[in-house]
Amino acid sequence: MNLLNLKNFLDRERALRFIRFITVGASVAIIDFSGVALFSRFFPPLLSVTFAYFIAVCCHFLLNKFWVFRCRRSDYLKQLFHYGVVITGNWLITVIVVTVCLATFTQNVLIAKLCAIPCATVCNFLLMQTIVFRKHPEQPEEDQLPYTSAAELD
């Protein structure tokens, strides 16, 4: 990666998007873990993880669409379908990692869930950026996020 590409990669908007993504991730993690803690009092571990996961996913979609990626696409059904496929894949990753953790080194469902977060997060961000919330080539320029380079600010 040359210096020009690095500068473009690290521009102000991408940095802000990354901060928003981390903020959403932390907020959704709190919702998810709170749900697991609550549901695990009443349901078996994997069912608790599943219920909490899908509640957190609803919050995740809305915050990412409208705040992180500021996606203005109007093909909502296609977008929801793609999001559903990505989230289902991430749910499967989560359930597999939790199952392996519970079977090998911990009996605590929250610790097992914590182990699943890195795998699901990397997969989730890459697929959200490249598939779910990508811009369409025909999207008008005014619908895209404003961009100001550091050079323009000087």
C-alpha atoms as a PDB file:
ATOM      1  CA  MET A   1       0.000   0.000   0.000  1.00  0.00           C
ATOM      2  CA  ASN A   2       1.591   3.292  -1.063  1.00  0.00           C
ATOM      3  CA  LEU A   3       1.419   6.540   0.908  1.00  0.00           C
ATOM      4  CA  LEU A   4      -1.378   8.035  -1.209  1.00  0.00           C
ATOM      5  CA  ASN A   5      -3.566   4.959  -0.718  1.00  0.00           C
ATOM      6  CA  LEU A   6      -2.823   5.020   3.014  1.00  0.00           C
ATOM      7  CA  LYS A   7      -3.873   8.691   3.216  1.00  0.00           C
ATOM      8  CA  ASN A   8      -7.131   7.937   1.378  1.00  0.00           C
ATOM      9  CA  PHE A   9      -7.748   4.935   3.634  1.00  0.00           C
ATOM     10  CA  LEU A  10      -7.230   7.005   6.766  1.00  0.00           C
ATOM     11  CA  ASP A  11      -9.302  10.007   5.727  1.00  0.00           C
ATOM     12  CA  ARG A  12     -11.484  11.838   8.227  1.00  0.00           C
ATOM     13  CA  GLU A  13     -14.796  10.249   7.173  1.00  0.00           C
ATOM     14  CA  ARG A  14     -13.437   6.710   7.430  1.00  0.00           C
ATOM     15  CA  ALA A  15     -12.031   7.490  10.861  1.00  0.00           C
ATOM     16  CA  LEU A  16     -15.401   8.830  11.984  1.00  0.00           C
ATOM     17  CA  ARG A  17     -17.181   5.818  10.471  1.00  0.00           C
ATOM     18  CA  PHE A  18     -14.832   3.509  12.366  1.00  0.00           C
ATOM     19  CA  ILE A  19     -15.526   5.376  15.636  1.00  0.00           C
ATOM     20  CA  ARG A  20     -19.268   5.136  14.987  1.00  0.00           C
ATOM     21  CA  PHE A  21     -18.897   1.415  14.161  1.00  0.00           C
ATOM     22  CA  ILE A  22     -17.039   0.790  17.440  1.00  0.00           C
ATOM     23  CA  THR A  23     -19.673   2.788  19.371  1.00  0.00           C
ATOM     24  CA  VAL A  24     -22.492   0.778  17.802  1.00  0.00           C
ATOM     25  CA  GLY A  25     -20.598  -2.443  18.470  1.00  0.00           C
ATOM     26  CA  ALA A  26     -20.133  -1.570  22.138  1.00  0.00           C
ATOM     27  CA  SER A  27     -23.778  -0.557  22.523  1.00  0.00           C
ATOM     28  CA  VAL A  28     -25.034  -3.683  20.797  1.00  0.00           C
ATOM     29  CA  ALA A  29     -22.657  -5.826  22.874  1.00  0.00           C
ATOM     30  CA  ILE A  30     -24.183  -4.358  26.050  1.00  0.00           C
ATOM     31  CA  ILE A  31     -27.676  -5.123  24.749  1.00  0.00           C
ATOM     32  CA  ASP A  32     -26.577  -8.627  23.697  1.00  0.00           C
ATOM     33  CA  PHE A  33     -24.796  -9.521  26.947  1.00  0.00           C
ATOM     34  CA  SER A  34     -27.644  -8.091  29.048  1.00  0.00           C
ATOM     35  CA  GLY A  35     -30.062 -10.231  27.082  1.00  0.00           C
ATOM     36  CA  VAL A  36     -27.924 -13.351  27.529  1.00  0.00           C
ATOM     37  CA  ALA A  37     -27.663 -12.682  31.276  1.00  0.00           C
ATOM     38  CA  LEU A  38     -31.428 -12.180  31.555  1.00  0.00           C
ATOM     39  CA  PHE A  39     -32.537 -15.037  29.306  1.00  0.00           C
ATOM     40  CA  SER A  40     -30.064 -17.528  30.800  1.00  0.00           C
ATOM     41  CA  ARG A  41     -32.080 -17.360  34.024  1.00  0.00           C
ATOM     42  CA  PHE A  42     -35.079 -18.827  32.216  1.00  0.00           C
ATOM     43  CA  PHE A  43     -33.779 -20.737  29.170  1.00  0.00           C
ATOM     44  CA  PRO A  44     -30.928 -23.113  28.219  1.00  0.00           C
ATOM     45  CA  PRO A  45     -27.656 -21.389  27.204  1.00  0.00           C
ATOM     46  CA  LEU A  46     -27.904 -21.673  23.415  1.00  0.00           C
ATOM     47  CA  LEU A  47     -31.530 -20.538  23.389  1.00  0.00           C
ATOM     48  CA  SER A  48     -30.565 -17.572  25.603  1.00  0.00           C
ATOM     49  CA  VAL A  49     -27.732 -16.647  23.238  1.00  0.00           C
ATOM     50  CA  THR A  50     -30.098 -16.908  20.266  1.00  0.00           C
ATOM     51  CA  PHE A  51     -32.840 -14.700  21.779  1.00  0.00           C
ATOM     52  CA  ALA A  52     -30.369 -12.031  22.863  1.00  0.00           C
ATOM     53  CA  TYR A  53     -28.563 -12.168  19.534  1.00  0.00           C
ATOM     54  CA  PHE A  54     -31.646 -11.444  17.461  1.00  0.00           C
ATOM     55  CA  ILE A  55     -32.732  -8.544  19.693  1.00  0.00           C
ATOM     56  CA  ALA A  56     -29.257  -7.052  19.398  1.00  0.00           C
ATOM     57  CA  VAL A  57     -29.312  -7.604  15.621  1.00  0.00           C
ATOM     58  CA  CYS A  58     -32.369  -5.375  15.207  1.00  0.00           C
ATOM     59  CA  CYS A  59     -30.571  -2.543  17.009  1.00  0.00           C
ATOM     60  CA  HIS A  60     -27.422  -3.280  15.017  1.00  0.00           C
ATOM     61  CA  PHE A  61     -29.135  -3.008  11.631  1.00  0.00           C
ATOM     62  CA  LEU A  62     -30.844   0.278  12.355  1.00  0.00           C
ATOM     63  CA  LEU A  63     -27.815   1.958  13.913  1.00  0.00           C
ATOM     64  CA  ASN A  64     -25.478   0.781  11.156  1.00  0.00           C
ATOM     65  CA  LYS A  65     -27.798   1.678   8.291  1.00  0.00           C
ATOM     66  CA  PHE A  66     -28.731   5.143   9.445  1.00  0.00           C
ATOM     67  CA  TRP A  67     -25.788   6.246  11.587  1.00  0.00           C
ATOM     68  CA  VAL A  68     -22.582   4.340  10.762  1.00  0.00           C
ATOM     69  CA  PHE A  69     -22.847   3.806   7.004  1.00  0.00           C
ATOM     70  CA  ARG A  70     -25.532   6.462   6.414  1.00  0.00           C
ATOM     71  CA  CYS A  71     -26.942   4.272   3.717  1.00  0.00           C
ATOM     72  CA  ARG A  72     -29.722   5.933   1.738  1.00  0.00           C
ATOM     73  CA  ARG A  73     -30.450   3.113  -0.657  1.00  0.00           C
ATOM     74  CA  SER A  74     -34.139   2.549  -1.211  1.00  0.00           C
ATOM     75  CA  ASP A  75     -33.998  -1.157  -2.128  1.00  0.00           C
ATOM     76  CA  TYR A  76     -35.019  -2.110   1.419  1.00  0.00           C
ATOM     77  CA  LEU A  77     -36.146  -5.672   0.710  1.00  0.00           C
ATOM     78  CA  LYS A  78     -32.884  -6.546  -1.021  1.00  0.00           C
ATOM     79  CA  GLN A  79     -30.922  -4.874   1.760  1.00  0.00           C
ATOM     80  CA  LEU A  80     -32.871  -6.695   4.473  1.00  0.00           C
ATOM     81  CA  PHE A  81     -32.359  -9.982   2.644  1.00  0.00           C
ATOM     82  CA  HIS A  82     -28.591  -9.418   2.437  1.00  0.00           C
ATOM     83  CA  TYR A  83     -28.504  -8.329   6.057  1.00  0.00           C
ATOM     84  CA  GLY A  84     -30.472 -11.431   7.051  1.00  0.00           C
ATOM     85  CA  VAL A  85     -28.024 -13.711   5.230  1.00  0.00           C
ATOM     86  CA  VAL A  86     -25.025 -11.982   6.851  1.00  0.00           C
ATOM     87  CA  ILE A  87     -26.588 -12.061  10.317  1.00  0.00           C
ATOM     88  CA  THR A  88     -27.617 -15.703   9.955  1.00  0.00           C
ATOM     89  CA  GLY A  89     -24.035 -16.560   9.066  1.00  0.00           C
ATOM     90  CA  ASN A  90     -22.782 -14.569  12.049  1.00  0.00           C
ATOM     91  CA  TRP A  91     -25.326 -16.256  14.298  1.00  0.00           C
ATOM     92  CA  LEU A  92     -24.031 -19.650  13.132  1.00  0.00           C
ATOM     93  CA  ILE A  93     -20.450 -18.543  13.847  1.00  0.00           C
ATOM     94  CA  THR A  94     -21.557 -17.378  17.308  1.00  0.00           C
ATOM     95  CA  VAL A  95     -23.405 -20.608  18.133  1.00  0.00           C
ATOM     96  CA  ILE A  96     -20.502 -22.766  16.942  1.00  0.00           C
ATOM     97  CA  VAL A  97     -17.923 -20.810  18.954  1.00  0.00           C
ATOM     98  CA  VAL A  98     -20.145 -20.784  22.072  1.00  0.00           C
ATOM     99  CA  THR A  99     -20.732 -24.537  21.731  1.00  0.00           C
ATOM    100  CA  VAL A 100     -17.007 -25.257  21.369  1.00  0.00           C
ATOM    101  CA  CYS A 101     -16.144 -23.017  24.338  1.00  0.00           C
ATOM    102  CA  LEU A 102     -18.816 -24.570  26.576  1.00  0.00           C
ATOM    103  CA  ALA A 103     -17.627 -28.049  25.609  1.00  0.00           C
ATOM    104  CA  THR A 104     -13.915 -27.378  26.097  1.00  0.00           C
ATOM    105  CA  PHE A 105     -12.885 -24.781  28.656  1.00  0.00           C
ATOM    106  CA  THR A 106     -15.765 -22.927  30.327  1.00  0.00           C
ATOM    107  CA  GLN A 107     -19.216 -23.507  31.712  1.00  0.00           C
ATOM    108  CA  ASN A 108     -19.956 -19.762  31.745  1.00  0.00           C
ATOM    109  CA  VAL A 109     -22.118 -18.804  28.767  1.00  0.00           C
ATOM    110  CA  LEU A 110     -21.032 -15.149  29.003  1.00  0.00           C
ATOM    111  CA  ILE A 111     -17.346 -16.086  28.677  1.00  0.00           C
ATOM    112  CA  ALA A 112     -18.204 -18.374  25.774  1.00  0.00           C
ATOM    113  CA  LYS A 113     -20.163 -15.546  24.141  1.00  0.00           C
ATOM    114  CA  LEU A 114     -17.227 -13.166  24.659  1.00  0.00           C
ATOM    115  CA  CYS A 115     -14.998 -15.591  22.756  1.00  0.00           C
ATOM    116  CA  ALA A 116     -17.384 -15.500  19.790  1.00  0.00           C
ATOM    117  CA  ILE A 117     -17.314 -11.718  19.383  1.00  0.00           C
ATOM    118  CA  PRO A 118     -14.010 -11.279  17.476  1.00  0.00           C
ATOM    119  CA  CYS A 119     -14.869 -13.883  14.829  1.00  0.00           C
ATOM    120  CA  ALA A 120     -18.366 -12.567  14.246  1.00  0.00           C
ATOM    121  CA  THR A 121     -17.292  -8.900  14.317  1.00  0.00           C
ATOM    122  CA  VAL A 122     -14.652  -9.219  11.591  1.00  0.00           C
ATOM    123  CA  CYS A 123     -16.991 -11.180   9.355  1.00  0.00           C
ATOM    124  CA  ASN A 124     -19.839  -8.785  10.071  1.00  0.00           C
ATOM    125  CA  PHE A 125     -17.962  -5.558   9.294  1.00  0.00           C
ATOM    126  CA  LEU A 126     -16.497  -6.843   6.029  1.00  0.00           C
ATOM    127  CA  LEU A 127     -19.825  -8.126   4.742  1.00  0.00           C
ATOM    128  CA  MET A 128     -21.768  -5.048   5.895  1.00  0.00           C
ATOM    129  CA  GLN A 129     -19.309  -2.728   4.143  1.00  0.00           C
ATOM    130  CA  THR A 130     -19.057  -4.714   0.907  1.00  0.00           C
ATOM    131  CA  ILE A 131     -22.549  -6.177   0.501  1.00  0.00           C
ATOM    132  CA  VAL A 132     -25.306  -4.847   2.732  1.00  0.00           C
ATOM    133  CA  PHE A 133     -24.571  -1.121   2.966  1.00  0.00           C
ATOM    134  CA  ARG A 134     -22.563  -0.602  -0.225  1.00  0.00           C
ATOM    135  CA  LYS A 135     -23.470   2.221  -2.523  1.00  0.00           C
ATOM    136  CA  HIS A 136     -25.060   1.481  -5.869  1.00  0.00           C
ATOM    137  CA  PRO A 137     -23.097   2.757  -8.877  1.00  0.00           C
ATOM    138  CA  GLU A 138     -26.178   4.685  -9.997  1.00  0.00           C
ATOM    139  CA  GLN A 139     -26.561   6.423  -6.621  1.00  0.00           C
ATOM    140  CA  PRO A 140     -26.552  10.209  -7.202  1.00  0.00           C
ATOM    141  CA  GLU A 141     -23.537  12.119  -5.899  1.00  0.00           C
ATOM    142  CA  GLU A 142     -25.680  14.208  -3.512  1.00  0.00           C
ATOM    143  CA  ASP A 143     -26.794  11.035  -1.706  1.00  0.00           C
ATOM    144  CA  GLN A 144     -23.218  10.148  -0.829  1.00  0.00           C
ATOM    145  CA  LEU A 145     -21.545  11.304   2.357  1.00  0.00           C
ATOM    146  CA  PRO A 146     -19.797  14.660   2.178  1.00  0.00           C
ATOM    147  CA  TYR A 147     -16.039  14.355   1.858  1.00  0.00           C
ATOM    148  CA  THR A 148     -13.514  16.982   2.797  1.00  0.00           C
ATOM    149  CA  SER A 149      -9.842  16.143   2.607  1.00  0.00           C
ATOM    150  CA  ALA A 150      -7.324  17.412   5.122  1.00  0.00           C
ATOM    151  CA  ALA A 151      -5.724  19.451   2.309  1.00  0.00           C
ATOM    152  CA  GLU A 152      -9.017  21.286   1.682  1.00  0.00           C
ATOM    153  CA  LEU A 153      -9.255  22.202   5.358  1.00  0.00           C
ATOM    154  CA  ASP A 154      -5.860  23.959   5.320  1.00  0.00           C
END
